[in-house]
Amino acid sequence: MNKKHIALLVATSLMAGHAFALDGDIRFTGKVEVGMASKKENGISNRAVEDGGSELNVVGSADIGNGLKALLQVNTDIKLDNNKGTDHFANGDTFVGLQGEFGTVKLGRGINAYGDGYFKANLYAYDVGPDRGDIISGGGSSRGAFKYEAPNLNGLALSFSYSPGEDKTTTQPRATDAWAASGTYEQGMFGTRLSFGQQKVAAGGTLKDTLLALKVVPVAGLTLATELNNSKNVKGPTQKSVGVYAEYKPQRVGVRAGYVSTTDFGYVSGGKHKVTLLGADYDLSGKDSRFQTSLFAEYKSDKKNNGKRDNYLFGGVHIGF
């Protein structure tokens, strides 16, 4: 992120802080993840200093009367390895919202009701979930969207999002509108989520994704989970992907693992994709520390169809604030 973007972020924060000063609060949150990676892709080995998923957020809320609360969030991914990627201000989950007894209404981007995964063992750089389909927005993850979140009812949380296609032209009379809905229920040691997303295709037909996820915490510090994703394209067989995950972190030391298997990968009959994940971390700071600092190491093995197996090893530091 260049100096102009940083200056804009600070200016936005100061202005927002002034607006929220009387009845609310505004704060910086985020994380820094950077380390050394060893990669073997297509039989070629390389090493590099890489960013594992650093980001900076401006988060605010304020009571505005009549039982209503105004919300804002500005999320920007930052690259400590100088890899620009989507290098622009507010390139992540950014929105404004209004909250009351009716629930929460949000407008912005990155407010996809489908969700990015229910529980993926809290891996840092390699938080890989089941293979998803071709729904480019999932109801709002990569372009402007509206989202409604219902009030939590005894552990049940429902949400809905809609994203207009914005791409209708004289030669393309059908916009690629998308929507998504999900329900999450958590009570005690159990949790589950059911999500559905759908998007129109300009040439005709629809893309559909369905996710079913389950997790259980049988003892303190241990979480077991599975996620199943079915994706239906306009043509080809249904892509089926399943992920299983486990994490054990009773105190400062944590270990985690995951495995994802996809059949008819890419909507091609007989297509396969398999991913193996391993990770461990050690918390250097206490729970009450302002900067939650951990050392971590992760491994990912990735094989598609009959191609060569790619291997990734990443070790570094995570600082959350």
Protein backbone atom coordinates (compact mmCIF):
# COMPACT_ATOMS: atom_id res chain seq x y z
CA MET A 1 0.00 0.00 0.00
CA ASN A 2 1.64 3.30 -1.08
CA LYS A 3 1.97 6.56 0.90
CA LYS A 4 -1.09 8.10 -0.77
CA HIS A 5 -3.27 5.18 0.37
CA ILE A 6 -1.91 5.36 3.93
CA ALA A 7 -2.56 9.11 4.08
CA LEU A 8 -6.11 8.59 2.84
CA LEU A 9 -6.70 5.87 5.43
CA VAL A 10 -5.47 8.12 8.25
CA ALA A 11 -7.55 11.06 7.02
CA THR A 12 -10.65 8.88 6.77
CA SER A 13 -10.06 7.59 10.29
CA LEU A 14 -9.66 11.10 11.71
CA MET A 15 -12.81 12.38 10.02
CA ALA A 16 -14.79 9.31 11.05
CA GLY A 17 -13.41 9.60 14.58
CA HIS A 18 -14.65 13.21 14.78
CA ALA A 19 -18.10 12.22 13.53
CA PHE A 20 -18.38 9.35 16.02
CA ALA A 21 -16.77 11.09 18.97
CA LEU A 22 -19.94 12.13 20.82
CA ASP A 23 -21.88 8.87 21.06
CA GLY A 24 -19.73 6.12 19.58
CA ASP A 25 -16.24 4.86 18.96
CA ILE A 26 -13.90 4.23 16.08
CA ARG A 27 -10.76 2.13 16.19
CA PHE A 28 -8.02 0.47 14.19
CA THR A 29 -7.93 -3.31 14.07
CA GLY A 30 -6.08 -5.75 11.86
CA LYS A 31 -3.26 -8.24 11.60
CA VAL A 32 0.23 -8.61 10.22
CA GLU A 33 1.38 -11.99 8.90
CA VAL A 34 4.73 -12.36 7.17
CA GLY A 35 7.37 -15.08 6.90
CA MET A 36 9.56 -17.25 4.72
CA ALA A 37 8.00 -19.60 2.17
CA SER A 38 9.48 -22.61 0.41
CA LYS A 39 7.48 -23.64 -2.67
CA LYS A 40 7.66 -26.45 -5.19
CA GLU A 41 5.33 -25.81 -8.14
CA ASN A 42 5.35 -27.82 -11.38
CA GLY A 43 8.57 -29.45 -10.25
CA ILE A 44 10.35 -26.09 -9.69
CA SER A 45 11.50 -25.08 -6.21
CA ASN A 46 11.63 -21.47 -4.99
CA ARG A 47 11.99 -19.57 -1.73
CA ALA A 48 10.59 -16.15 -0.93
CA VAL A 49 9.61 -13.75 1.81
CA GLU A 50 5.81 -13.63 1.63
CA ASP A 51 2.82 -11.95 3.21
CA GLY A 52 0.40 -14.44 4.74
CA GLY A 53 -2.75 -12.28 4.78
CA SER A 54 -2.09 -8.92 6.46
CA GLU A 55 -4.89 -6.38 6.66
CA LEU A 56 -5.83 -3.07 8.27
CA ASN A 57 -9.35 -2.13 9.34
CA VAL A 58 -11.12 1.01 10.46
CA VAL A 59 -14.19 -0.06 12.46
CA GLY A 60 -16.76 2.28 13.96
CA SER A 61 -20.17 2.36 15.60
CA ALA A 62 -22.35 5.07 17.15
CA ASP A 63 -25.74 5.27 18.85
CA ILE A 64 -27.86 7.70 16.82
CA GLY A 65 -31.06 7.56 18.86
CA ASN A 66 -34.40 5.74 18.66
CA GLY A 67 -32.67 2.44 19.38
CA LEU A 68 -30.55 2.69 16.23
CA LYS A 69 -26.81 2.28 15.80
CA ALA A 70 -24.73 3.38 12.78
CA LEU A 71 -21.91 1.09 11.66
CA LEU A 72 -18.92 1.42 9.38
CA GLN A 73 -15.98 -0.71 8.36
CA VAL A 74 -13.12 -0.02 5.96
CA ASN A 75 -10.99 -3.10 5.28
CA THR A 76 -7.75 -2.91 3.29
CA ASP A 77 -5.47 -5.82 2.47
CA ILE A 78 -1.81 -4.90 2.79
CA LYS A 79 1.18 -6.73 1.29
CA LEU A 80 4.38 -6.73 3.33
CA ASP A 81 6.23 -8.58 0.57
CA ASN A 82 5.64 -5.76 -1.97
CA ASN A 83 3.30 -7.98 -3.95
CA LYS A 84 0.70 -5.42 -5.03
CA GLY A 85 -2.17 -7.78 -5.81
CA THR A 86 -5.41 -5.84 -5.37
CA ASP A 87 -3.42 -2.87 -4.13
CA HIS A 88 -5.97 -0.15 -3.52
CA PHE A 89 -7.65 1.46 -0.55
CA ALA A 90 -10.74 -0.35 0.86
CA ASN A 91 -10.17 -3.42 -1.32
CA GLY A 92 -11.68 -5.79 1.26
CA ASP A 93 -14.86 -6.05 3.34
CA THR A 94 -16.00 -2.42 3.39
CA PHE A 95 -19.50 -1.22 4.25
CA VAL A 96 -21.82 1.12 6.14
CA GLY A 97 -24.76 -0.19 8.14
CA LEU A 98 -27.71 0.47 10.40
CA GLN A 99 -28.57 -1.76 13.37
CA GLY A 100 -31.72 -1.92 15.47
CA GLU A 101 -34.31 -4.31 16.90
CA PHE A 102 -35.13 -5.30 13.30
CA GLY A 103 -31.61 -6.62 12.78
CA THR A 104 -28.74 -5.15 10.72
CA VAL A 105 -28.75 -3.72 7.20
CA LYS A 106 -25.45 -3.23 5.35
CA LEU A 107 -24.44 -1.67 2.02
CA GLY A 108 -20.99 -2.10 0.53
CA ARG A 109 -18.72 -4.92 -0.61
CA GLY A 110 -17.51 -8.12 1.00
CA ILE A 111 -20.88 -8.64 2.69
CA ASN A 112 -21.60 -12.03 1.20
CA ALA A 113 -24.27 -14.00 3.11
CA TYR A 114 -22.90 -17.27 1.69
CA GLY A 115 -19.79 -16.90 3.81
CA ASP A 116 -16.13 -17.70 3.23
CA GLY A 117 -16.20 -20.85 5.33
CA TYR A 118 -17.61 -21.84 8.69
CA PHE A 119 -14.59 -23.40 10.43
CA LYS A 120 -11.29 -24.08 8.67
CA ALA A 121 -9.13 -24.85 11.73
CA ASN A 122 -7.87 -21.24 12.04
CA LEU A 123 -4.93 -21.81 9.71
CA TYR A 124 -3.09 -18.54 9.04
CA ALA A 125 -1.73 -18.46 5.47
CA TYR A 126 -3.41 -21.66 4.25
CA ASP A 127 -7.02 -21.28 5.41
CA VAL A 128 -8.29 -23.43 2.55
CA GLY A 129 -11.95 -24.41 2.28
CA PRO A 130 -13.83 -26.74 -0.07
CA ASP A 131 -13.74 -25.77 -3.76
CA ARG A 132 -16.44 -23.29 -4.64
CA GLY A 133 -18.13 -22.67 -7.95
CA ASP A 134 -18.01 -19.92 -10.54
CA ILE A 135 -20.26 -17.50 -8.66
CA ILE A 136 -18.07 -14.42 -8.90
CA SER A 137 -19.90 -12.37 -6.29
CA GLY A 138 -21.67 -14.97 -4.15
CA GLY A 139 -24.21 -12.27 -3.41
CA GLY A 140 -21.66 -9.56 -2.76
CA SER A 141 -18.11 -10.74 -2.02
CA SER A 142 -16.41 -8.94 -4.90
CA ARG A 143 -18.78 -6.10 -5.85
CA GLY A 144 -21.41 -3.83 -4.35
CA ALA A 145 -24.20 -5.54 -2.42
CA PHE A 146 -27.02 -5.23 0.09
CA LYS A 147 -27.13 -7.51 3.13
CA TYR A 148 -29.68 -8.12 5.86
CA GLU A 149 -28.79 -9.92 9.10
CA ALA A 150 -31.70 -10.97 11.31
CA PRO A 151 -31.47 -10.67 15.11
CA ASN A 152 -29.92 -13.71 16.75
CA LEU A 153 -32.67 -15.98 18.08
CA ASN A 154 -31.43 -18.45 20.70
CA GLY A 155 -28.30 -19.23 18.70
CA LEU A 156 -29.91 -19.03 15.22
CA ALA A 157 -28.51 -16.36 12.89
CA LEU A 158 -30.07 -15.79 9.43
CA SER A 159 -28.76 -13.53 6.66
CA PHE A 160 -29.52 -12.61 3.04
CA SER A 161 -27.49 -10.67 0.46
CA TYR A 162 -28.15 -9.40 -3.04
CA SER A 163 -25.69 -8.07 -5.61
CA PRO A 164 -26.87 -6.45 -8.87
CA GLY A 165 -24.95 -7.54 -11.95
CA GLU A 166 -24.18 -4.02 -13.19
CA ASP A 167 -23.26 -5.47 -16.59
CA LYS A 168 -26.36 -5.29 -18.81
CA THR A 169 -25.62 -3.80 -22.26
CA THR A 170 -27.30 -3.59 -25.65
CA THR A 171 -25.47 -6.77 -26.66
CA GLN A 172 -25.89 -8.44 -23.25
CA PRO A 173 -29.53 -8.00 -22.20
CA ARG A 174 -29.21 -10.21 -19.09
CA ALA A 175 -27.38 -8.87 -16.03
CA THR A 176 -25.48 -11.37 -13.87
CA ASP A 177 -27.37 -10.62 -10.65
CA ALA A 178 -26.47 -12.76 -7.64
CA TRP A 179 -27.97 -13.51 -4.24
CA ALA A 180 -27.12 -15.67 -1.25
CA ALA A 181 -28.75 -16.78 2.00
CA SER A 182 -27.48 -18.63 5.05
CA GLY A 183 -28.51 -19.88 8.44
CA THR A 184 -26.08 -20.59 11.28
CA TYR A 185 -27.02 -22.27 14.54
CA GLU A 186 -24.66 -22.53 17.51
CA GLN A 187 -25.57 -23.90 20.91
CA GLY A 188 -23.16 -25.30 23.46
CA MET A 189 -20.59 -27.61 21.89
CA PHE A 190 -22.33 -27.85 18.49
CA GLY A 191 -22.60 -25.57 15.47
CA THR A 192 -23.92 -25.85 11.92
CA ARG A 193 -24.38 -23.69 8.83
CA LEU A 194 -26.43 -24.06 5.65
CA SER A 195 -25.77 -21.62 2.79
CA PHE A 196 -27.07 -21.24 -0.74
CA GLY A 197 -25.92 -18.89 -3.51
CA GLN A 198 -27.10 -18.33 -7.06
CA GLN A 199 -26.01 -16.13 -9.96
CA LYS A 200 -27.45 -15.54 -13.41
CA VAL A 201 -25.28 -16.22 -16.45
CA ALA A 202 -25.36 -13.60 -19.20
CA ALA A 203 -25.77 -16.24 -21.92
CA GLY A 204 -28.59 -18.00 -20.02
CA GLY A 205 -28.95 -20.37 -17.08
CA THR A 206 -27.74 -20.01 -13.51
CA LEU A 207 -24.78 -20.99 -11.33
CA LYS A 208 -25.65 -22.54 -7.96
CA ASP A 209 -23.64 -23.32 -4.82
CA THR A 210 -24.76 -25.09 -1.63
CA LEU A 211 -22.72 -25.39 1.56
CA LEU A 212 -23.42 -27.57 4.62
CA ALA A 213 -21.00 -27.25 7.53
CA LEU A 214 -20.84 -28.87 10.97
CA LYS A 215 -18.53 -28.45 13.96
CA VAL A 216 -18.27 -29.89 17.45
CA VAL A 217 -16.14 -29.03 20.48
CA PRO A 218 -16.02 -32.32 22.44
CA VAL A 219 -13.49 -31.03 25.01
CA ALA A 220 -12.03 -27.62 25.79
CA GLY A 221 -9.51 -26.57 23.15
CA LEU A 222 -10.45 -29.26 20.60
CA THR A 223 -12.62 -28.43 17.56
CA LEU A 224 -13.61 -30.91 14.83
CA ALA A 225 -15.44 -29.79 11.69
CA THR A 226 -16.50 -30.71 8.17
CA GLU A 227 -17.72 -28.63 5.22
CA LEU A 228 -19.46 -29.95 2.11
CA ASN A 229 -19.90 -27.78 -0.99
CA ASN A 230 -21.91 -28.70 -4.11
CA SER A 231 -21.48 -26.46 -7.15
CA LYS A 232 -23.62 -26.65 -10.28
CA ASN A 233 -22.51 -24.95 -13.49
CA VAL A 234 -24.59 -24.33 -16.61
CA LYS A 235 -22.86 -27.29 -18.26
CA GLY A 236 -21.02 -30.33 -16.95
CA PRO A 237 -21.50 -32.52 -13.86
CA THR A 238 -22.00 -31.14 -10.36
CA GLN A 239 -18.70 -30.39 -8.62
CA LYS A 240 -18.65 -31.94 -5.13
CA SER A 241 -16.10 -30.87 -2.53
CA VAL A 242 -15.66 -31.90 1.10
CA GLY A 243 -13.26 -30.61 3.73
CA VAL A 244 -12.50 -32.06 7.17
CA TYR A 245 -10.66 -30.05 9.84
CA ALA A 246 -9.30 -30.40 13.35
CA GLU A 247 -7.69 -27.95 15.76
CA TYR A 248 -6.36 -28.51 19.25
CA LYS A 249 -5.24 -25.48 21.23
CA PRO A 250 -5.69 -25.88 24.98
CA GLN A 251 -3.27 -23.09 25.92
CA ARG A 252 -0.49 -21.30 24.05
CA VAL A 253 0.49 -24.16 21.74
CA GLY A 254 -1.89 -25.05 18.91
CA VAL A 255 -1.87 -27.76 16.25
CA ARG A 256 -4.28 -28.05 13.32
CA ALA A 257 -4.92 -30.08 10.18
CA GLY A 258 -7.25 -30.17 7.21
CA TYR A 259 -7.99 -32.22 4.12
CA VAL A 260 -10.07 -31.20 1.08
CA SER A 261 -11.17 -33.59 -1.67
CA THR A 262 -13.09 -32.52 -4.78
CA THR A 263 -14.65 -34.77 -7.43
CA ASP A 264 -15.62 -33.69 -10.95
CA PHE A 265 -13.31 -30.74 -10.32
CA GLY A 266 -13.87 -27.86 -12.73
CA TYR A 267 -17.18 -29.46 -13.78
CA VAL A 268 -15.23 -32.08 -15.72
CA SER A 269 -16.23 -35.70 -15.26
CA GLY A 270 -13.47 -37.51 -13.38
CA GLY A 271 -11.68 -34.29 -12.43
CA LYS A 272 -9.96 -34.43 -9.01
CA HIS A 273 -8.45 -31.94 -6.57
CA LYS A 274 -6.88 -32.90 -3.24
CA VAL A 275 -5.35 -30.60 -0.62
CA THR A 276 -3.61 -31.57 2.65
CA LEU A 277 -3.01 -28.97 5.38
CA LEU A 278 -0.90 -29.04 8.56
CA GLY A 279 -0.07 -26.24 10.97
CA ALA A 280 1.19 -25.31 14.41
CA ASP A 281 1.61 -22.09 16.38
CA TYR A 282 2.89 -20.75 19.69
CA ASP A 283 1.50 -17.63 21.37
CA LEU A 284 4.28 -15.37 22.60
CA SER A 285 1.92 -12.88 24.26
CA GLY A 286 -0.73 -13.33 26.91
CA LYS A 287 -4.45 -13.06 26.22
CA ASP A 288 -4.61 -9.53 27.65
CA SER A 289 -1.80 -8.19 25.46
CA ARG A 290 -2.65 -5.37 23.07
CA PHE A 291 -0.68 -7.13 20.34
CA GLN A 292 -1.49 -10.82 20.06
CA THR A 293 1.80 -12.22 18.79
CA SER A 294 2.34 -15.80 17.58
CA LEU A 295 4.97 -17.79 15.74
CA PHE A 296 3.51 -20.27 13.26
CA ALA A 297 4.48 -22.85 10.66
CA GLU A 298 2.19 -24.36 8.00
CA TYR A 299 2.37 -26.93 5.22
CA LYS A 300 0.11 -27.36 2.20
CA SER A 301 0.12 -30.13 -0.42
CA ASP A 302 -1.98 -29.49 -3.56
CA LYS A 303 -2.65 -31.91 -6.42
CA LYS A 304 -5.03 -31.34 -9.35
CA ASN A 305 -6.07 -34.21 -11.62
CA ASN A 306 -2.97 -36.08 -12.84
CA GLY A 307 -0.62 -33.12 -12.55
CA LYS A 308 2.44 -32.88 -10.33
CA ARG A 309 1.90 -32.39 -6.62
CA ASP A 310 2.70 -28.85 -5.46
CA ASN A 311 4.13 -28.41 -1.95
CA TYR A 312 4.23 -25.27 0.17
CA LEU A 313 5.95 -24.63 3.52
CA PHE A 314 5.44 -21.32 5.30
CA GLY A 315 6.83 -20.12 8.62
CA GLY A 316 6.48 -16.68 10.12
CA VAL A 317 4.99 -14.33 12.68
CA HIS A 318 1.40 -13.20 13.25
CA ILE A 319 0.55 -10.00 15.14
CA GLY A 320 -3.12 -9.24 15.71
CA PHE A 321 -4.38 -5.97 17.13
